[in-house]
C-alpha cells in the first residue's frame, strides 16, 4: 500500500528505531510510548486489520506473536509481565490501518486501555 506509513517503515522508506526485523516482521519503538517498553510489531505484508486475516495468513500471524515473545525476553519484561495489544477498527482504537501489535512493559500497567 503506497500511502501506508507502516508499509513505508517496513520498506525502509521512512526511518524508525527498529529493534527487530526479519523477512516477515518489523518491530520498532513507538514514537509516543505509554510505557518504558512500547514496541510496535507489524507484518511486512499489508493487512489492514485483524478482520482482514485470511487462512493464508495463519503462519504469518503466529510468527508475529512469536516475535513479540522474543522481544519481551530481549527487553527483559517477560518475567514481570507485559501486555500485547491489537486494536481493531476505529472504535477499537486502531488509527493506523495496518495490522500491528503493541508490546508494552517495564512498569505495572494496571487496567488502563491503550489507543493507537
PDB file of N, CA and C in Angstrom:
ATOM      1  N   UNK A   1       0.844  -1.174   0.000  1.00  0.00           N
ATOM      2  CA  UNK A   1       0.000   0.000   0.000  1.00  0.00           C
ATOM      3  C   UNK A   1       0.888   1.235   0.000  1.00  0.00           C
ATOM      4  N   UNK A   2       0.802   2.047  -0.995  1.00  0.00           N
ATOM      5  CA  UNK A   2       1.765   3.139  -1.143  1.00  0.00           C
ATOM      6  C   UNK A   2       1.585   4.275  -0.153  1.00  0.00           C
ATOM      7  N   UNK A   3       0.402   4.468   0.415  1.00  0.00           N
ATOM      8  CA  UNK A   3       0.175   5.556   1.370  1.00  0.00           C
ATOM      9  C   UNK A   3       0.230   5.121   2.827  1.00  0.00           C
ATOM     10  N   UNK A   4       0.515   3.868   3.083  1.00  0.00           N
ATOM     11  CA  UNK A   4       0.532   3.338   4.445  1.00  0.00           C
ATOM     12  C   UNK A   4       1.872   3.627   5.117  1.00  0.00           C
ATOM     13  N   UNK A   5       1.831   4.363   6.225  1.00  0.00           N
ATOM     14  CA  UNK A   5       3.068   4.715   6.937  1.00  0.00           C
ATOM     15  C   UNK A   5       3.813   3.472   7.427  1.00  0.00           C
ATOM     16  N   UNK A   6       3.083   2.451   7.861  1.00  0.00           N
ATOM     17  CA  UNK A   6       3.755   1.240   8.337  1.00  0.00           C
ATOM     18  C   UNK A   6       4.399   0.474   7.183  1.00  0.00           C
ATOM     19  N   UNK A   7       3.775   0.471   6.010  1.00  0.00           N
ATOM     20  CA  UNK A   7       4.403  -0.159   4.842  1.00  0.00           C
ATOM     21  C   UNK A   7       5.680   0.583   4.481  1.00  0.00           C
ATOM     22  N   UNK A   8       5.658   1.919   4.614  1.00  0.00           N
ATOM     23  CA  UNK A   8       6.843   2.721   4.311  1.00  0.00           C
ATOM     24  C   UNK A   8       7.959   2.457   5.327  1.00  0.00           C
ATOM     25  N   UNK A   9       7.604   2.246   6.580  1.00  0.00           N
ATOM     26  CA  UNK A   9       8.603   1.881   7.593  1.00  0.00           C
ATOM     27  C   UNK A   9       9.167   0.493   7.282  1.00  0.00           C
ATOM     28  N   UNK A  10       8.298  -0.449   6.949  1.00  0.00           N
ATOM     29  CA  UNK A  10       8.741  -1.823   6.655  1.00  0.00           C
ATOM     30  C   UNK A  10       9.686  -1.866   5.460  1.00  0.00           C
ATOM     31  N   UNK A  11       9.471  -0.988   4.488  1.00  0.00           N
ATOM     32  CA  UNK A  11      10.329  -0.978   3.293  1.00  0.00           C
ATOM     33  C   UNK A  11      11.585  -0.140   3.478  1.00  0.00           C
ATOM     34  N   UNK A  12      11.680   0.595   4.588  1.00  0.00           N
ATOM     35  CA  UNK A  12      12.836   1.445   4.838  1.00  0.00           C
ATOM     36  C   UNK A  12      12.708   2.837   4.251  1.00  0.00           C
ATOM     37  N   UNK A  13      11.560   3.130   3.668  1.00  0.00           N
ATOM     38  CA  UNK A  13      11.323   4.444   3.069  1.00  0.00           C
ATOM     39  C   UNK A  13      11.222   5.542   4.131  1.00  0.00           C
ATOM     40  N   UNK A  14      10.684   5.187   5.289  1.00  0.00           N
ATOM     41  CA  UNK A  14      10.588   6.105   6.427  1.00  0.00           C
ATOM     42  C   UNK A  14      11.425   5.511   7.557  1.00  0.00           C
ATOM     43  N   UNK A  15      12.281   6.315   8.186  1.00  0.00           N
ATOM     44  CA  UNK A  15      13.116   5.774   9.269  1.00  0.00           C
ATOM     45  C   UNK A  15      12.300   5.500  10.540  1.00  0.00           C
ATOM     46  N   UNK A  16      12.763   4.541  11.285  1.00  0.00           N
ATOM     47  CA  UNK A  16      12.173   4.197  12.579  1.00  0.00           C
ATOM     48  C   UNK A  16      13.274   3.570  13.431  1.00  0.00           C
ATOM     49  N   UNK A  17      13.064   3.562  14.748  1.00  0.00           N
ATOM     50  CA  UNK A  17      14.007   2.899  15.650  1.00  0.00           C
ATOM     51  C   UNK A  17      13.682   1.405  15.669  1.00  0.00           C
ATOM     52  N   UNK A  18      14.179   0.707  14.666  1.00  0.00           N
ATOM     53  CA  UNK A  18      13.898  -0.721  14.516  1.00  0.00           C
ATOM     54  C   UNK A  18      14.661  -1.497  15.581  1.00  0.00           C
ATOM     55  N   UNK A  19      13.931  -2.367  16.286  1.00  0.00           N
ATOM     56  CA  UNK A  19      14.544  -3.195  17.324  1.00  0.00           C
ATOM     57  C   UNK A  19      14.597  -4.671  16.924  1.00  0.00           C
ATOM     58  N   UNK A  20      13.862  -5.030  15.871  1.00  0.00           N
ATOM     59  CA  UNK A  20      13.884  -6.398  15.357  1.00  0.00           C
ATOM     60  C   UNK A  20      13.299  -6.377  13.948  1.00  0.00           C
ATOM     61  N   UNK A  21      13.874  -7.191  13.091  1.00  0.00           N
ATOM     62  CA  UNK A  21      13.272  -7.399  11.781  1.00  0.00           C
ATOM     63  C   UNK A  21      13.738  -8.709  11.201  1.00  0.00           C
ATOM     64  N   UNK A  22      12.882  -9.296  10.391  1.00  0.00           N
ATOM     65  CA  UNK A  22      13.215 -10.476   9.624  1.00  0.00           C
ATOM     66  C   UNK A  22      12.434 -10.394   8.323  1.00  0.00           C
ATOM     67  N   UNK A  23      12.347 -11.473   7.606  1.00  0.00           N
ATOM     68  CA  UNK A  23      11.690 -11.444   6.296  1.00  0.00           C
ATOM     69  C   UNK A  23      10.186 -11.200   6.367  1.00  0.00           C
ATOM     70  N   UNK A  24       9.564 -11.409   7.523  1.00  0.00           N
ATOM     71  CA  UNK A  24       8.112 -11.277   7.648  1.00  0.00           C
ATOM     72  C   UNK A  24       7.653 -10.145   8.557  1.00  0.00           C
ATOM     73  N   UNK A  25       8.503  -9.716   9.496  1.00  0.00           N
ATOM     74  CA  UNK A  25       8.092  -8.822  10.579  1.00  0.00           C
ATOM     75  C   UNK A  25       9.100  -7.691  10.753  1.00  0.00           C
ATOM     76  N   UNK A  26       8.585  -6.515  11.106  1.00  0.00           N
ATOM     77  CA  UNK A  26       9.430  -5.400  11.530  1.00  0.00           C
ATOM     78  C   UNK A  26       8.884  -4.920  12.869  1.00  0.00           C
ATOM     79  N   UNK A  27       9.772  -4.675  13.832  1.00  0.00           N
ATOM     80  CA  UNK A  27       9.383  -4.162  15.148  1.00  0.00           C
ATOM     81  C   UNK A  27      10.204  -2.917  15.432  1.00  0.00           C
ATOM     82  N   UNK A  28       9.524  -1.890  15.938  1.00  0.00           N
ATOM     83  CA  UNK A  28      10.196  -0.618  16.185  1.00  0.00           C
ATOM     84  C   UNK A  28       9.573   0.071  17.391  1.00  0.00           C
ATOM     85  N   UNK A  29      10.357   0.963  18.008  1.00  0.00           N
ATOM     86  CA  UNK A  29       9.869   1.709  19.165  1.00  0.00           C
ATOM     87  C   UNK A  29       8.765   2.667  18.749  1.00  0.00           C
ATOM     88  N   UNK A  30       7.715   2.727  19.562  1.00  0.00           N
ATOM     89  CA  UNK A  30       6.622   3.669  19.327  1.00  0.00           C
ATOM     90  C   UNK A  30       7.141   5.092  19.554  1.00  0.00           C
ATOM     91  N   UNK A  31       6.739   6.037  18.708  1.00  0.00           N
ATOM     92  CA  UNK A  31       7.226   7.418  18.866  1.00  0.00           C
ATOM     93  C   UNK A  31       6.515   8.151  20.001  1.00  0.00           C
ATOM     94  N   UNK A  32       5.401   7.609  20.477  1.00  0.00           N
ATOM     95  CA  UNK A  32       4.681   8.177  21.625  1.00  0.00           C
ATOM     96  C   UNK A  32       4.454   7.083  22.657  1.00  0.00           C
ATOM     97  N   UNK A  33       5.511   6.619  23.323  1.00  0.00           N
ATOM     98  CA  UNK A  33       5.364   5.477  24.228  1.00  0.00           C
ATOM     99  C   UNK A  33       4.504   5.788  25.449  1.00  0.00           C
ATOM    100  N   UNK A  34       3.745   4.777  25.868  1.00  0.00           N
ATOM    101  CA  UNK A  34       2.931   4.890  27.081  1.00  0.00           C
ATOM    102  C   UNK A  34       3.489   4.016  28.204  1.00  0.00           C
ATOM    103  N   UNK A  35       4.634   3.386  27.941  1.00  0.00           N
ATOM    104  CA  UNK A  35       5.313   2.548  28.930  1.00  0.00           C
ATOM    105  C   UNK A  35       6.801   2.587  28.612  1.00  0.00           C
ATOM    106  N   UNK A  36       7.647   2.217  29.575  1.00  0.00           N
ATOM    107  CA  UNK A  36       9.095   2.209  29.304  1.00  0.00           C
ATOM    108  C   UNK A  36       9.473   1.371  28.071  1.00  0.00           C
ATOM    109  N   UNK A  37       8.793   0.258  27.881  1.00  0.00           N
ATOM    110  CA  UNK A  37       8.946  -0.529  26.657  1.00  0.00           C
ATOM    111  C   UNK A  37       7.622  -0.413  25.911  1.00  0.00           C
ATOM    112  N   UNK A  38       7.669   0.162  24.732  1.00  0.00           N
ATOM    113  CA  UNK A  38       6.482   0.263  23.879  1.00  0.00           C
ATOM    114  C   UNK A  38       6.946   0.071  22.448  1.00  0.00           C
ATOM    115  N   UNK A  39       6.766  -1.150  21.985  1.00  0.00           N
ATOM    116  CA  UNK A  39       7.238  -1.556  20.660  1.00  0.00           C
ATOM    117  C   UNK A  39       6.034  -1.895  19.795  1.00  0.00           C
ATOM    118  N   UNK A  40       6.077  -1.459  18.554  1.00  0.00           N
ATOM    119  CA  UNK A  40       5.063  -1.833  17.570  1.00  0.00           C
ATOM    120  C   UNK A  40       5.636  -2.943  16.704  1.00  0.00           C
ATOM    121  N   UNK A  41       4.859  -3.993  16.516  1.00  0.00           N
ATOM    122  CA  UNK A  41       5.260  -5.110  15.653  1.00  0.00           C
ATOM    123  C   UNK A  41       4.299  -5.161  14.486  1.00  0.00           C
ATOM    124  N   UNK A  42       4.831  -5.138  13.272  1.00  0.00           N
ATOM    125  CA  UNK A  42       3.991  -5.149  12.078  1.00  0.00           C
ATOM    126  C   UNK A  42       4.435  -6.259  11.131  1.00  0.00           C
ATOM    127  N   UNK A  43       3.492  -6.835  10.401  1.00  0.00           N
ATOM    128  CA  UNK A  43       3.905  -7.714   9.316  1.00  0.00           C
ATOM    129  C   UNK A  43       4.362  -6.852   8.136  1.00  0.00           C
ATOM    130  N   UNK A  44       5.325  -7.328   7.378  1.00  0.00           N
ATOM    131  CA  UNK A  44       5.731  -6.598   6.178  1.00  0.00           C
ATOM    132  C   UNK A  44       4.585  -6.572   5.162  1.00  0.00           C
ATOM    133  N   UNK A  45       3.801  -7.622   5.151  1.00  0.00           N
ATOM    134  CA  UNK A  45       2.634  -7.704   4.277  1.00  0.00           C
ATOM    135  C   UNK A  45       1.555  -6.760   4.791  1.00  0.00           C
ATOM    136  N   UNK A  46       0.977  -5.963   3.921  1.00  0.00           N
ATOM    137  CA  UNK A  46      -0.092  -5.051   4.348  1.00  0.00           C
ATOM    138  C   UNK A  46      -1.385  -5.846   4.558  1.00  0.00           C
ATOM    139  N   UNK A  47      -1.781  -5.926   5.808  1.00  0.00           N
ATOM    140  CA  UNK A  47      -3.071  -6.489   6.203  1.00  0.00           C
ATOM    141  C   UNK A  47      -3.744  -5.360   6.967  1.00  0.00           C
ATOM    142  N   UNK A  48      -4.886  -4.849   6.510  1.00  0.00           N
ATOM    143  CA  UNK A  48      -5.487  -3.674   7.145  1.00  0.00           C
ATOM    144  C   UNK A  48      -5.802  -3.840   8.629  1.00  0.00           C
ATOM    145  N   UNK A  49      -6.414  -4.948   9.026  1.00  0.00           N
ATOM    146  CA  UNK A  49      -6.778  -5.135  10.431  1.00  0.00           C
ATOM    147  C   UNK A  49      -6.955  -6.618  10.730  1.00  0.00           C
ATOM    148  N   UNK A  50      -7.220  -6.902  11.981  1.00  0.00           N
ATOM    149  CA  UNK A  50      -7.471  -8.280  12.417  1.00  0.00           C
ATOM    150  C   UNK A  50      -8.624  -8.893  11.622  1.00  0.00           C
ATOM    151  N   UNK A  51      -9.595  -8.072  11.246  1.00  0.00           N
ATOM    152  CA  UNK A  51     -10.751  -8.556  10.471  1.00  0.00           C
ATOM    153  C   UNK A  51     -10.372  -9.031   9.078  1.00  0.00           C
ATOM    154  N   UNK A  52      -9.201  -8.673   8.607  1.00  0.00           N
ATOM    155  CA  UNK A  52      -8.783  -8.996   7.246  1.00  0.00           C
ATOM    156  C   UNK A  52      -7.854 -10.205   7.166  1.00  0.00           C
ATOM    157  N   UNK A  53      -7.647 -10.869   8.285  1.00  0.00           N
ATOM    158  CA  UNK A  53      -6.817 -12.077   8.280  1.00  0.00           C
ATOM    159  C   UNK A  53      -7.567 -13.191   7.557  1.00  0.00           C
ATOM    160  N   UNK A  54      -6.866 -13.846   6.643  1.00  0.00           N
ATOM    161  CA  UNK A  54      -7.429 -14.979   5.901  1.00  0.00           C
ATOM    162  C   UNK A  54      -6.606 -16.226   6.243  1.00  0.00           C
ATOM    163  N   UNK A  55      -7.097 -17.411   5.886  1.00  0.00           N
ATOM    164  CA  UNK A  55      -6.365 -18.630   6.244  1.00  0.00           C
ATOM    165  C   UNK A  55      -4.895 -18.614   5.819  1.00  0.00           C
ATOM    166  N   UNK A  56      -4.572 -17.995   4.707  1.00  0.00           N
ATOM    167  CA  UNK A  56      -3.192 -17.947   4.236  1.00  0.00           C
ATOM    168  C   UNK A  56      -2.284 -17.124   5.157  1.00  0.00           C
ATOM    169  N   UNK A  57      -2.856 -16.338   6.059  1.00  0.00           N
ATOM    170  CA  UNK A  57      -2.077 -15.505   6.977  1.00  0.00           C
ATOM    171  C   UNK A  57      -1.774 -16.203   8.308  1.00  0.00           C
ATOM    172  N   UNK A  58      -2.290 -17.400   8.528  1.00  0.00           N
ATOM    173  CA  UNK A  58      -2.140 -18.042   9.839  1.00  0.00           C
ATOM    174  C   UNK A  58      -0.683 -18.160  10.275  1.00  0.00           C
ATOM    175  N   UNK A  59       0.188 -18.587   9.399  1.00  0.00           N
ATOM    176  CA  UNK A  59       1.602 -18.746   9.764  1.00  0.00           C
ATOM    177  C   UNK A  59       2.234 -17.381  10.060  1.00  0.00           C
ATOM    178  N   UNK A  60       1.895 -16.378   9.281  1.00  0.00           N
ATOM    179  CA  UNK A  60       2.427 -15.027   9.494  1.00  0.00           C
ATOM    180  C   UNK A  60       1.990 -14.470  10.845  1.00  0.00           C
ATOM    181  N   UNK A  61       0.729 -14.648  11.212  1.00  0.00           N
ATOM    182  CA  UNK A  61       0.230 -14.140  12.498  1.00  0.00           C
ATOM    183  C   UNK A  61       0.905 -14.886  13.648  1.00  0.00           C
ATOM    184  N   UNK A  62       1.106 -16.174  13.491  1.00  0.00           N
ATOM    185  CA  UNK A  62       1.840 -16.931  14.502  1.00  0.00           C
ATOM    186  C   UNK A  62       3.271 -16.440  14.637  1.00  0.00           C
ATOM    187  N   UNK A  63       3.888 -16.114  13.526  1.00  0.00           N
ATOM    188  CA  UNK A  63       5.263 -15.604  13.549  1.00  0.00           C
ATOM    189  C   UNK A  63       5.313 -14.230  14.219  1.00  0.00           C
ATOM    190  N   UNK A  64       4.311 -13.399  13.968  1.00  0.00           N
ATOM    191  CA  UNK A  64       4.224 -12.088  14.610  1.00  0.00           C
ATOM    192  C   UNK A  64       4.135 -12.246  16.132  1.00  0.00           C
ATOM    193  N   UNK A  65       3.303 -13.175  16.586  1.00  0.00           N
ATOM    194  CA  UNK A  65       3.171 -13.435  18.027  1.00  0.00           C
ATOM    195  C   UNK A  65       4.489 -13.994  18.591  1.00  0.00           C
ATOM    196  N   UNK A  66       5.141 -14.883  17.856  1.00  0.00           N
ATOM    197  CA  UNK A  66       6.436 -15.420  18.292  1.00  0.00           C
ATOM    198  C   UNK A  66       7.453 -14.293  18.448  1.00  0.00           C
ATOM    199  N   UNK A  67       7.499 -13.361  17.480  1.00  0.00           N
ATOM    200  CA  UNK A  67       8.437 -12.240  17.541  1.00  0.00           C
ATOM    201  C   UNK A  67       8.160 -11.367  18.764  1.00  0.00           C
ATOM    202  N   UNK A  68       6.884 -11.187  19.110  1.00  0.00           N
ATOM    203  CA  UNK A  68       6.541 -10.403  20.303  1.00  0.00           C
ATOM    204  C   UNK A  68       7.109 -11.070  21.553  1.00  0.00           C
ATOM    205  N   UNK A  69       6.980 -12.376  21.660  1.00  0.00           N
ATOM    206  CA  UNK A  69       7.541 -13.100  22.802  1.00  0.00           C
ATOM    207  C   UNK A  69       9.057 -13.000  22.845  1.00  0.00           C
ATOM    208  N   UNK A  70       9.690 -13.090  21.691  1.00  0.00           N
ATOM    209  CA  UNK A  70      11.146 -12.954  21.618  1.00  0.00           C
ATOM    210  C   UNK A  70      11.575 -11.572  22.100  1.00  0.00           C
ATOM    211  N   UNK A  71      10.867 -10.527  21.674  1.00  0.00           N
ATOM    212  CA  UNK A  71      11.203  -9.164  22.098  1.00  0.00           C
ATOM    213  C   UNK A  71      10.956  -8.963  23.589  1.00  0.00           C
ATOM    214  N   UNK A  72       9.910  -9.579  24.120  1.00  0.00           N
ATOM    215  CA  UNK A  72       9.659  -9.482  25.562  1.00  0.00           C
ATOM    216  C   UNK A  72      10.847 -10.051  26.340  1.00  0.00           C
ATOM    217  N   UNK A  73      11.387 -11.160  25.855  1.00  0.00           N
ATOM    218  CA  UNK A  73      12.568 -11.741  26.500  1.00  0.00           C
ATOM    219  C   UNK A  73      13.790 -10.842  26.317  1.00  0.00           C
ATOM    220  N   UNK A  74      14.002 -10.325  25.121  1.00  0.00           N
ATOM    221  CA  UNK A  74      15.160  -9.465  24.851  1.00  0.00           C
ATOM    222  C   UNK A  74      15.123  -8.176  25.663  1.00  0.00           C
ATOM    223  N   UNK A  75      13.928  -7.657  25.911  1.00  0.00           N
ATOM    224  CA  UNK A  75      13.770  -6.416  26.675  1.00  0.00           C
ATOM    225  C   UNK A  75      13.612  -6.678  28.165  1.00  0.00           C
ATOM    226  N   UNK A  76      13.740  -7.950  28.571  1.00  0.00           N
ATOM    227  CA  UNK A  76      13.663  -8.357  29.986  1.00  0.00           C
ATOM    228  C   UNK A  76      12.356  -7.965  30.661  1.00  0.00           C
ATOM    229  N   UNK A  77      11.251  -8.068  29.925  1.00  0.00           N
ATOM    230  CA  UNK A  77       9.944  -7.802  30.538  1.00  0.00           C
ATOM    231  C   UNK A  77       9.118  -9.084  30.653  1.00  0.00           C
ATOM    232  N   UNK A  78       9.679 -10.188  30.200  1.00  0.00           N
ATOM    233  CA  UNK A  78       8.927 -11.438  30.214  1.00  0.00           C
ATOM    234  C   UNK A  78       8.675 -11.976  31.614  1.00  0.00           C
ATOM    235  N   UNK A  79       9.586 -11.772  32.549  1.00  0.00           N
ATOM    236  CA  UNK A  79       9.421 -12.325  33.894  1.00  0.00           C
ATOM    237  C   UNK A  79       8.359 -11.585  34.703  1.00  0.00           C
ATOM    238  N   UNK A  80       8.403 -10.263  34.699  1.00  0.00           N
ATOM    239  CA  UNK A  80       7.445  -9.479  35.494  1.00  0.00           C
ATOM    240  C   UNK A  80       6.092  -9.341  34.809  1.00  0.00           C
ATOM    241  N   UNK A  81       6.082  -9.400  33.488  1.00  0.00           N
ATOM    242  CA  UNK A  81       4.836  -9.316  32.750  1.00  0.00           C
ATOM    243  C   UNK A  81       4.809  -8.168  31.765  1.00  0.00           C
ATOM    244  N   UNK A  82       3.946  -8.318  30.806  1.00  0.00           N
ATOM    245  CA  UNK A  82       3.805  -7.326  29.743  1.00  0.00           C
ATOM    246  C   UNK A  82       2.402  -7.446  29.154  1.00  0.00           C
ATOM    247  N   UNK A  83       2.093  -6.515  28.293  1.00  0.00           N
ATOM    248  CA  UNK A  83       0.801  -6.506  27.619  1.00  0.00           C
ATOM    249  C   UNK A  83       1.049  -6.533  26.127  1.00  0.00           C
ATOM    250  N   UNK A  84       0.292  -7.352  25.415  1.00  0.00           N
ATOM    251  CA  UNK A  84       0.332  -7.425  23.962  1.00  0.00           C
ATOM    252  C   UNK A  84      -1.061  -7.059  23.472  1.00  0.00           C
ATOM    253  N   UNK A  85      -1.148  -5.957  22.721  1.00  0.00           N
ATOM    254  CA  UNK A  85      -2.451  -5.413  22.324  1.00  0.00           C
ATOM    255  C   UNK A  85      -2.537  -5.312  20.809  1.00  0.00           C
ATOM    256  N   UNK A  86      -3.702  -5.667  20.276  1.00  0.00           N
ATOM    257  CA  UNK A  86      -4.006  -5.430  18.878  1.00  0.00           C
ATOM    258  C   UNK A  86      -5.363  -4.733  18.824  1.00  0.00           C
ATOM    259  N   UNK A  87      -5.357  -3.476  18.431  1.00  0.00           N
ATOM    260  CA  UNK A  87      -6.605  -2.743  18.271  1.00  0.00           C
ATOM    261  C   UNK A  87      -7.188  -3.067  16.899  1.00  0.00           C
ATOM    262  N   UNK A  88      -8.512  -3.120  16.813  1.00  0.00           N
ATOM    263  CA  UNK A  88      -9.159  -3.479  15.553  1.00  0.00           C
ATOM    264  C   UNK A  88     -10.283  -2.501  15.262  1.00  0.00           C
ATOM    265  N   UNK A  89     -10.159  -1.763  14.181  1.00  0.00           N
ATOM    266  CA  UNK A  89     -11.197  -0.827  13.753  1.00  0.00           C
ATOM    267  C   UNK A  89     -11.153   0.479  14.523  1.00  0.00           C
ATOM    268  N   UNK A  90     -11.785   1.481  13.965  1.00  0.00           N
ATOM    269  CA  UNK A  90     -11.770   2.824  14.563  1.00  0.00           C
ATOM    270  C   UNK A  90     -12.304   2.827  15.994  1.00  0.00           C
ATOM    271  N   UNK A  91     -13.435   2.176  16.242  1.00  0.00           N
ATOM    272  CA  UNK A  91     -13.989   2.153  17.600  1.00  0.00           C
ATOM    273  C   UNK A  91     -13.131   1.337  18.559  1.00  0.00           C
ATOM    274  N   UNK A  92     -12.295   0.461  18.031  1.00  0.00           N
ATOM    275  CA  UNK A  92     -11.380  -0.318  18.861  1.00  0.00           C
ATOM    276  C   UNK A  92     -10.064   0.399  19.126  1.00  0.00           C
ATOM    277  N   UNK A  93      -9.936   1.621  18.581  1.00  0.00           N
ATOM    278  CA  UNK A  93      -8.739   2.414  18.820  1.00  0.00           C
ATOM    279  C   UNK A  93      -7.680   2.318  17.733  1.00  0.00           C
ATOM    280  N   UNK A  94      -7.972   1.628  16.636  1.00  0.00           N
ATOM    281  CA  UNK A  94      -6.984   1.496  15.568  1.00  0.00           C
ATOM    282  C   UNK A  94      -6.956   2.771  14.734  1.00  0.00           C
ATOM    283  N   UNK A  95      -5.797   3.434  14.722  1.00  0.00           N
ATOM    284  CA  UNK A  95      -5.640   4.648  13.923  1.00  0.00           C
ATOM    285  C   UNK A  95      -4.843   4.405  12.656  1.00  0.00           C
ATOM    286  N   UNK A  96      -3.866   3.517  12.713  1.00  0.00           N
ATOM    287  CA  UNK A  96      -3.083   3.163  11.530  1.00  0.00           C
ATOM    288  C   UNK A  96      -3.691   1.891  10.952  1.00  0.00           C
ATOM    289  N   UNK A  97      -4.142   1.978   9.715  1.00  0.00           N
ATOM    290  CA  UNK A  97      -4.839   0.849   9.113  1.00  0.00           C
ATOM    291  C   UNK A  97      -3.816  -0.111   8.479  1.00  0.00           C
ATOM    292  N   UNK A  98      -3.105  -0.751   9.368  1.00  0.00           N
ATOM    293  CA  UNK A  98      -2.145  -1.811   9.046  1.00  0.00           C
ATOM    294  C   UNK A  98      -2.053  -2.627  10.331  1.00  0.00           C
ATOM    295  N   UNK A  99      -2.381  -3.890  10.266  1.00  0.00           N
ATOM    296  CA  UNK A  99      -2.387  -4.751  11.445  1.00  0.00           C
ATOM    297  C   UNK A  99      -1.084  -4.607  12.212  1.00  0.00           C
ATOM    298  N   UNK A 100      -1.182  -4.464  13.523  1.00  0.00           N
ATOM    299  CA  UNK A 100       0.021  -4.354  14.349  1.00  0.00           C
ATOM    300  C   UNK A 100      -0.292  -4.692  15.799  1.00  0.00           C
ATOM    301  N   UNK A 101       0.745  -5.135  16.498  1.00  0.00           N
ATOM    302  CA  UNK A 101       0.700  -5.363  17.936  1.00  0.00           C
ATOM    303  C   UNK A 101       1.425  -4.230  18.634  1.00  0.00           C
ATOM    304  N   UNK A 102       0.946  -3.875  19.824  1.00  0.00           N
ATOM    305  CA  UNK A 102       1.685  -3.032  20.757  1.00  0.00           C
ATOM    306  C   UNK A 102       2.221  -3.975  21.821  1.00  0.00           C
ATOM    307  N   UNK A 103       3.521  -3.959  22.050  1.00  0.00           N
ATOM    308  CA  UNK A 103       4.143  -4.691  23.144  1.00  0.00           C
ATOM    309  C   UNK A 103       4.513  -3.664  24.204  1.00  0.00           C
ATOM    310  N   UNK A 104       3.885  -3.773  25.383  1.00  0.00           N
ATOM    311  CA  UNK A 104       4.068  -2.800  26.458  1.00  0.00           C
ATOM    312  C   UNK A 104       4.581  -3.490  27.709  1.00  0.00           C
ATOM    313  N   UNK A 105       5.525  -2.849  28.384  1.00  0.00           N
ATOM    314  CA  UNK A 105       6.020  -3.395  29.633  1.00  0.00           C
ATOM    315  C   UNK A 105       7.017  -2.458  30.275  1.00  0.00           C
ATOM    316  N   UNK A 106       7.620  -2.935  31.350  1.00  0.00           N
ATOM    317  CA  UNK A 106       8.621  -2.160  32.045  1.00  0.00           C
ATOM    318  C   UNK A 106       8.095  -1.410  33.255  1.00  0.00           C
ATOM    319  N   UNK A 107       6.815  -1.537  33.539  1.00  0.00           N
ATOM    320  CA  UNK A 107       6.190  -0.943  34.717  1.00  0.00           C
ATOM    321  C   UNK A 107       4.843  -1.632  34.909  1.00  0.00           C
ATOM    322  N   UNK A 108       4.259  -1.541  36.120  1.00  0.00           N
ATOM    323  CA  UNK A 108       2.901  -2.089  36.301  1.00  0.00           C
ATOM    324  C   UNK A 108       1.948  -1.327  35.380  1.00  0.00           C
ATOM    325  N   UNK A 109       1.136  -2.062  34.649  1.00  0.00           N
ATOM    326  CA  UNK A 109       0.281  -1.447  33.641  1.00  0.00           C
ATOM    327  C   UNK A 109      -1.147  -1.192  34.098  1.00  0.00           C
ATOM    328  N   UNK A 110      -1.555  -1.771  35.203  1.00  0.00           N
ATOM    329  CA  UNK A 110      -2.925  -1.520  35.681  1.00  0.00           C
ATOM    330  C   UNK A 110      -3.976  -1.977  34.692  1.00  0.00           C
ATOM    331  N   UNK A 111      -5.114  -1.298  34.705  1.00  0.00           N
ATOM    332  CA  UNK A 111      -6.211  -1.725  33.833  1.00  0.00           C
ATOM    333  C   UNK A 111      -6.534  -0.687  32.767  1.00  0.00           C
ATOM    334  N   UNK A 112      -5.653   0.284  32.554  1.00  0.00           N
ATOM    335  CA  UNK A 112      -5.928   1.309  31.547  1.00  0.00           C
ATOM    336  C   UNK A 112      -5.862   0.718  30.146  1.00  0.00           C
ATOM    337  N   UNK A 113      -6.628   1.316  29.250  1.00  0.00           N
ATOM    338  CA  UNK A 113      -6.646   0.897  27.861  1.00  0.00           C
ATOM    339  C   UNK A 113      -5.653   1.732  27.067  1.00  0.00           C
ATOM    340  N   UNK A 114      -5.126   1.167  25.996  1.00  0.00           N
ATOM    341  CA  UNK A 114      -4.174   1.880  25.146  1.00  0.00           C
ATOM    342  C   UNK A 114      -4.810   2.078  23.774  1.00  0.00           C
ATOM    343  N   UNK A 115      -4.821   3.285  23.303  1.00  0.00           N
ATOM    344  CA  UNK A 115      -5.277   3.564  21.947  1.00  0.00           C
ATOM    345  C   UNK A 115      -4.070   3.708  21.053  1.00  0.00           C
ATOM    346  N   UNK A 116      -4.299   3.605  19.808  1.00  0.00           N
ATOM    347  CA  UNK A 116      -3.249   3.737  18.789  1.00  0.00           C
ATOM    348  C   UNK A 116      -2.751   5.151  18.705  1.00  0.00           C
TER     349      UNK A 116
END
